[in-house]
N, C-alpha and C. Protein backbone atom coordinates (compact mmCIF):
# COMPACT_ATOMS: atom_id res chain seq x y z
N MET A 1 93.07 71.49 91.28
CA MET A 1 93.82 71.43 92.48
C MET A 1 93.11 70.43 93.46
N ALA A 2 94.08 69.53 93.83
CA ALA A 2 93.56 68.49 94.69
C ALA A 2 94.60 68.09 95.74
N ALA A 3 94.28 67.16 96.62
CA ALA A 3 95.16 66.68 97.51
C ALA A 3 95.26 65.15 97.44
N PRO A 4 96.34 64.40 97.17
CA PRO A 4 96.39 62.98 97.04
C PRO A 4 95.96 62.40 98.32
N ASN A 5 95.34 61.22 98.33
CA ASN A 5 94.96 60.52 99.53
C ASN A 5 96.25 60.20 100.43
N ILE A 6 96.33 60.66 101.49
CA ILE A 6 97.51 60.41 102.31
C ILE A 6 97.56 59.15 103.03
N ALA A 7 96.32 58.35 103.00
CA ALA A 7 96.33 56.88 103.39
C ALA A 7 97.09 56.06 102.46
N ALA A 8 97.20 56.49 101.35
CA ALA A 8 98.00 55.59 100.29
C ALA A 8 99.40 56.23 99.92
N VAL A 9 100.02 56.64 100.99
CA VAL A 9 101.29 57.35 100.71
C VAL A 9 102.28 56.29 100.29
N THR A 10 103.28 56.81 99.22
CA THR A 10 104.34 55.93 98.83
C THR A 10 105.68 56.58 99.20
N SER A 11 105.59 57.80 99.55
CA SER A 11 106.86 58.39 100.18
C SER A 11 106.43 59.70 100.99
N ILE A 12 107.43 59.95 101.99
CA ILE A 12 107.37 61.03 102.82
C ILE A 12 108.95 61.60 102.96
N ILE A 13 109.14 62.62 102.52
CA ILE A 13 110.50 63.26 102.37
C ILE A 13 110.49 64.64 103.25
N GLY A 14 111.39 64.48 104.30
CA GLY A 14 111.54 65.63 105.08
C GLY A 14 112.46 66.71 104.20
N LYS A 15 111.93 68.00 104.51
CA LYS A 15 112.69 69.05 103.61
C LYS A 15 112.58 70.41 104.46
N THR A 16 113.55 71.31 104.10
CA THR A 16 113.46 72.64 104.59
C THR A 16 113.51 73.69 103.50
N ALA A 17 112.60 74.61 103.55
CA ALA A 17 112.73 75.89 102.74
C ALA A 17 113.26 77.03 103.53
N ARG A 18 113.93 77.82 102.79
CA ARG A 18 114.52 78.92 103.50
C ARG A 18 114.53 80.10 102.51
N ALA A 19 114.33 81.35 103.13
CA ALA A 19 114.35 82.56 102.41
C ALA A 19 114.68 83.73 103.10
N SER A 20 115.59 84.57 102.60
CA SER A 20 115.83 85.88 103.21
C SER A 20 114.92 86.76 102.46
N LEU A 21 114.19 87.76 103.30
CA LEU A 21 113.26 88.55 102.72
C LEU A 21 113.88 89.87 102.36
N ALA A 22 114.37 89.81 101.13
CA ALA A 22 115.13 91.00 100.48
C ALA A 22 114.53 92.21 100.37
N ASN A 23 113.08 92.20 100.29
CA ASN A 23 112.46 93.47 100.11
C ASN A 23 111.26 93.53 101.12
N THR A 24 110.43 94.40 100.97
CA THR A 24 109.09 94.42 101.88
C THR A 24 107.89 94.02 101.25
N SER A 25 108.02 93.42 100.11
CA SER A 25 106.93 92.75 99.48
C SER A 25 106.54 91.38 99.95
N ASN A 26 105.33 90.98 99.80
CA ASN A 26 105.03 89.65 100.17
C ASN A 26 105.68 88.64 99.23
N THR A 27 106.35 87.71 99.80
CA THR A 27 107.36 86.80 98.98
C THR A 27 106.95 85.32 99.33
N SER A 28 106.82 84.59 98.24
CA SER A 28 106.56 83.14 98.39
C SER A 28 107.75 82.47 98.92
N VAL A 29 107.63 81.61 100.05
CA VAL A 29 108.68 81.06 100.63
C VAL A 29 108.60 79.46 100.44
N LEU A 30 107.34 78.97 100.30
CA LEU A 30 107.17 77.56 100.05
C LEU A 30 105.75 77.31 99.12
N SER A 31 106.00 76.68 97.96
CA SER A 31 104.76 76.49 97.15
C SER A 31 104.56 75.06 96.86
N ASN A 32 103.35 74.66 96.78
CA ASN A 32 103.08 73.42 96.23
C ASN A 32 102.34 73.57 94.95
N GLY A 33 103.16 73.10 93.76
CA GLY A 33 102.55 73.30 92.44
C GLY A 33 101.15 72.82 92.19
N ALA A 34 100.49 73.43 91.09
CA ALA A 34 99.08 73.19 90.90
C ALA A 34 98.89 71.71 90.47
N SER A 35 99.83 71.09 90.02
CA SER A 35 99.81 69.65 89.60
C SER A 35 100.84 68.79 90.03
N SER A 36 101.20 68.96 91.20
CA SER A 36 102.45 68.29 91.73
C SER A 36 102.06 66.96 92.09
N GLY A 37 100.78 66.64 92.57
CA GLY A 37 100.40 65.32 93.12
C GLY A 37 100.82 65.07 94.41
N LEU A 38 101.21 66.20 95.11
CA LEU A 38 101.79 66.09 96.54
C LEU A 38 100.85 66.74 97.60
N VAL A 39 101.02 66.56 98.82
CA VAL A 39 100.58 67.22 99.87
C VAL A 39 101.86 67.78 100.60
N LEU A 40 101.99 69.07 101.08
CA LEU A 40 103.13 69.46 101.84
C LEU A 40 102.62 69.59 103.30
N LYS A 41 103.13 68.86 104.23
CA LYS A 41 102.79 69.07 105.65
C LYS A 41 103.94 70.02 106.17
N VAL A 42 103.45 71.21 106.66
CA VAL A 42 104.38 72.14 107.24
C VAL A 42 104.30 71.97 108.74
N ASN A 43 105.59 71.70 109.27
CA ASN A 43 105.70 71.21 110.64
C ASN A 43 106.21 72.43 111.51
N SER A 44 107.15 73.34 110.91
CA SER A 44 107.56 74.41 111.65
C SER A 44 107.82 75.64 110.79
N ILE A 45 107.66 76.84 111.29
CA ILE A 45 108.01 78.08 110.60
C ILE A 45 108.72 79.02 111.59
N LEU A 46 109.99 79.40 111.29
CA LEU A 46 110.70 80.31 112.14
C LEU A 46 111.05 81.59 111.34
N ALA A 47 110.89 82.76 112.09
CA ALA A 47 111.26 84.06 111.45
C ALA A 47 112.46 84.57 112.31
N ALA A 48 113.62 84.69 111.75
CA ALA A 48 114.65 85.29 112.51
C ALA A 48 115.03 86.67 112.08
N ASN A 49 115.14 87.69 113.01
CA ASN A 49 115.57 88.97 112.75
C ASN A 49 117.07 88.98 112.58
N VAL A 50 117.45 89.10 111.42
CA VAL A 50 119.01 89.30 110.96
C VAL A 50 119.46 90.76 111.10
N ASN A 51 118.58 91.68 111.19
CA ASN A 51 118.92 93.11 111.16
C ASN A 51 119.85 93.51 112.10
N GLY A 52 119.79 93.04 113.37
CA GLY A 52 120.73 93.28 114.51
C GLY A 52 120.67 94.66 115.11
N LEU A 53 119.91 95.69 114.42
CA LEU A 53 119.85 96.97 114.98
C LEU A 53 118.44 97.28 115.65
N SER A 54 117.48 96.90 115.07
CA SER A 54 116.08 97.21 115.58
C SER A 54 115.13 96.11 115.29
N ALA A 55 113.89 96.20 116.00
CA ALA A 55 112.88 95.17 115.70
C ALA A 55 112.44 95.32 114.20
N VAL A 56 111.87 94.09 113.68
CA VAL A 56 111.41 94.04 112.33
C VAL A 56 109.97 93.37 112.41
N ASP A 57 108.99 93.94 111.86
CA ASP A 57 107.58 93.25 111.84
C ASP A 57 107.69 92.21 110.72
N VAL A 58 106.94 91.05 111.02
CA VAL A 58 106.84 90.01 110.04
C VAL A 58 105.44 89.57 109.96
N SER A 59 104.95 89.28 108.82
CA SER A 59 103.63 88.48 108.71
C SER A 59 103.86 87.42 107.78
N VAL A 60 103.21 86.27 108.13
CA VAL A 60 103.21 84.92 107.39
C VAL A 60 101.82 84.59 107.06
N SER A 61 101.56 84.20 105.82
CA SER A 61 100.29 83.69 105.31
C SER A 61 100.30 82.49 104.51
N VAL A 62 98.91 81.86 104.35
CA VAL A 62 98.84 80.89 103.41
C VAL A 62 98.03 81.56 102.26
N TYR A 63 98.61 81.35 101.06
CA TYR A 63 98.10 81.95 99.93
C TYR A 63 97.52 81.09 98.81
N ASN A 64 96.18 81.14 98.44
CA ASN A 64 95.56 80.32 97.49
C ASN A 64 95.55 80.78 96.10
N GLY A 65 96.30 81.75 95.86
CA GLY A 65 96.29 82.37 94.44
C GLY A 65 95.56 83.63 94.30
N THR A 66 94.73 83.92 95.25
CA THR A 66 93.89 85.25 95.26
C THR A 66 93.99 85.83 96.65
N THR A 67 93.92 84.92 97.70
CA THR A 67 93.88 85.56 99.06
C THR A 67 94.82 85.11 100.09
N ASP A 68 95.35 85.98 100.87
CA ASP A 68 96.21 85.55 101.99
C ASP A 68 95.47 85.36 103.16
N THR A 69 95.68 84.17 103.87
CA THR A 69 94.97 83.99 105.10
C THR A 69 96.20 83.99 106.16
N TYR A 70 96.22 84.88 107.03
CA TYR A 70 97.39 85.14 107.92
C TYR A 70 97.48 84.15 109.13
N ILE A 71 98.70 83.64 109.18
CA ILE A 71 99.07 82.82 110.39
C ILE A 71 99.43 83.83 111.56
N VAL A 72 100.37 84.71 111.08
CA VAL A 72 100.73 85.78 112.04
C VAL A 72 100.78 87.18 111.14
N LYS A 73 100.38 88.33 111.88
CA LYS A 73 100.26 89.53 111.06
C LYS A 73 100.84 90.61 111.81
N THR A 74 101.98 91.23 111.22
CA THR A 74 102.60 92.35 111.80
C THR A 74 103.06 92.09 113.27
N VAL A 75 103.80 90.85 113.38
CA VAL A 75 104.48 90.56 114.62
C VAL A 75 105.87 91.11 114.79
N SER A 76 106.12 91.83 115.81
CA SER A 76 107.43 92.48 116.08
C SER A 76 108.44 91.50 116.42
N VAL A 77 109.55 91.24 115.91
CA VAL A 77 110.59 90.32 116.19
C VAL A 77 111.82 91.14 116.60
N PRO A 78 112.29 91.10 117.85
CA PRO A 78 113.43 92.00 118.39
C PRO A 78 114.70 91.62 117.67
N PRO A 79 115.74 92.62 117.68
CA PRO A 79 117.03 92.49 117.02
C PRO A 79 117.58 91.02 117.57
N ASP A 80 118.21 90.28 116.56
CA ASP A 80 118.84 89.16 116.83
C ASP A 80 118.13 88.19 117.61
N ALA A 81 116.74 88.14 117.26
CA ALA A 81 115.80 87.08 118.01
C ALA A 81 115.21 86.46 116.91
N THR A 82 114.57 85.28 117.33
CA THR A 82 113.72 84.45 116.46
C THR A 82 112.34 84.30 116.94
N GLN A 83 111.42 84.46 116.08
CA GLN A 83 109.94 84.16 116.44
C GLN A 83 109.54 82.81 116.02
N VAL A 84 108.99 82.07 116.72
CA VAL A 84 108.33 80.72 116.36
C VAL A 84 106.96 81.14 115.78
N VAL A 85 106.70 80.88 114.49
CA VAL A 85 105.43 81.12 113.93
C VAL A 85 104.53 79.95 113.90
N LEU A 86 105.15 78.68 113.77
CA LEU A 86 104.32 77.60 113.64
C LEU A 86 104.99 76.37 114.10
N THR A 87 104.54 75.55 115.00
CA THR A 87 105.18 74.37 115.40
C THR A 87 104.51 72.99 114.95
N LYS A 88 105.04 71.79 115.17
CA LYS A 88 104.44 70.56 114.74
C LYS A 88 103.04 70.44 115.46
N GLU A 89 102.96 71.01 116.63
CA GLU A 89 101.65 70.92 117.46
C GLU A 89 100.59 71.63 116.58
N THR A 90 100.83 72.59 115.71
CA THR A 90 99.83 73.54 115.00
C THR A 90 100.19 73.24 113.58
N SER A 91 100.64 72.11 113.01
CA SER A 91 101.09 72.01 111.65
C SER A 91 99.89 72.12 110.82
N LEU A 92 100.36 72.43 109.46
CA LEU A 92 99.23 72.67 108.44
C LEU A 92 99.51 71.85 107.24
N TYR A 93 98.61 71.51 106.36
CA TYR A 93 98.82 70.91 105.12
C TYR A 93 98.62 71.89 104.01
N LEU A 94 99.50 71.95 102.97
CA LEU A 94 99.40 72.70 101.77
C LEU A 94 98.97 71.83 100.58
N GLU A 95 97.75 71.99 100.14
CA GLU A 95 97.25 71.36 98.97
C GLU A 95 97.96 71.76 97.74
N GLU A 96 97.62 71.25 96.60
CA GLU A 96 98.16 71.71 95.29
C GLU A 96 97.73 73.20 95.09
N GLY A 97 98.63 74.02 94.62
CA GLY A 97 98.21 75.33 94.26
C GLY A 97 98.13 76.31 95.34
N ILE A 98 98.64 75.79 96.63
CA ILE A 98 98.70 76.70 97.83
C ILE A 98 100.12 77.01 98.13
N SER A 99 100.36 78.18 98.85
CA SER A 99 101.79 78.53 99.13
C SER A 99 101.82 79.23 100.49
N VAL A 100 102.94 79.28 101.04
CA VAL A 100 103.38 80.12 102.17
C VAL A 100 103.93 81.30 101.71
N ARG A 101 103.58 82.47 102.20
CA ARG A 101 104.25 83.59 101.90
C ARG A 101 104.62 84.44 103.19
N ALA A 102 105.66 85.27 102.89
CA ALA A 102 106.20 85.99 104.16
C ALA A 102 106.42 87.44 103.79
N GLN A 103 106.25 88.50 104.66
CA GLN A 103 106.67 89.87 104.44
C GLN A 103 107.16 90.49 105.55
N ALA A 104 108.20 91.27 105.53
CA ALA A 104 108.92 91.89 106.53
C ALA A 104 108.77 93.56 106.42
N SER A 105 108.83 94.11 107.36
CA SER A 105 108.63 95.61 107.43
C SER A 105 110.03 96.33 106.98
N THR A 106 111.14 95.58 107.07
CA THR A 106 112.47 96.13 106.61
C THR A 106 113.11 95.07 105.75
N ALA A 107 113.56 95.60 104.60
CA ALA A 107 114.42 94.76 103.51
C ALA A 107 115.45 94.14 104.30
N ASN A 108 115.79 92.94 103.96
CA ASN A 108 116.98 92.27 104.49
C ASN A 108 116.99 92.04 106.07
N GLY A 109 115.72 92.25 106.75
CA GLY A 109 115.57 92.21 108.07
C GLY A 109 115.18 90.66 108.70
N ILE A 110 114.64 89.87 107.86
CA ILE A 110 113.99 88.74 108.25
C ILE A 110 114.51 87.49 107.45
N ASP A 111 114.96 86.37 108.06
CA ASP A 111 115.18 85.10 107.39
C ASP A 111 113.92 84.17 107.81
N ILE A 112 113.45 83.43 106.99
CA ILE A 112 112.31 82.46 107.22
C ILE A 112 113.00 81.04 106.87
N LEU A 113 112.63 80.16 107.84
CA LEU A 113 112.89 78.74 107.72
C LEU A 113 111.68 77.94 107.92
N ILE A 114 111.34 77.01 107.00
CA ILE A 114 110.20 76.26 107.06
C ILE A 114 110.55 74.74 107.05
N GLY A 115 110.25 74.02 108.09
CA GLY A 115 110.48 72.53 108.01
C GLY A 115 109.11 71.84 107.56
N TYR A 116 109.34 71.04 106.56
CA TYR A 116 108.08 70.48 106.12
C TYR A 116 108.24 68.95 105.53
N GLU A 117 107.30 68.30 105.30
CA GLU A 117 107.19 66.92 104.63
C GLU A 117 106.56 67.02 103.29
N GLU A 118 107.26 66.34 102.30
CA GLU A 118 106.59 66.27 100.99
C GLU A 118 105.98 64.88 100.99
N ILE A 119 104.74 64.91 100.94
CA ILE A 119 103.90 63.52 101.01
C ILE A 119 103.26 63.21 99.53
N GLY A 120 103.65 62.17 99.06
CA GLY A 120 103.18 61.61 97.69
C GLY A 120 102.92 60.15 97.73
């Protein structure tokens, strides 16, 4: 697991990952494969409460294969509202073998959107 030298970039491709958290388990939303040869620059993470009836707690973490390091933990998102989890001002890089995971307190209660750049 490594990260390519981003001073020698040959491409930067803007992308969006999306997931509906269908259950209350920790779910991988964005993964950088163990031998991808890429760095993923995460510019934004949004968590939208699509439940419509009640607040839903959301947690978002960076996962290295064994340990979750939380960006937010058990943040309450009001009904029909969106929580900004991460912005370009606080961006992060995902090296190979690292992923972003999310978990909701209610099944089908949260949609996650991640804006990122694939750098290779």
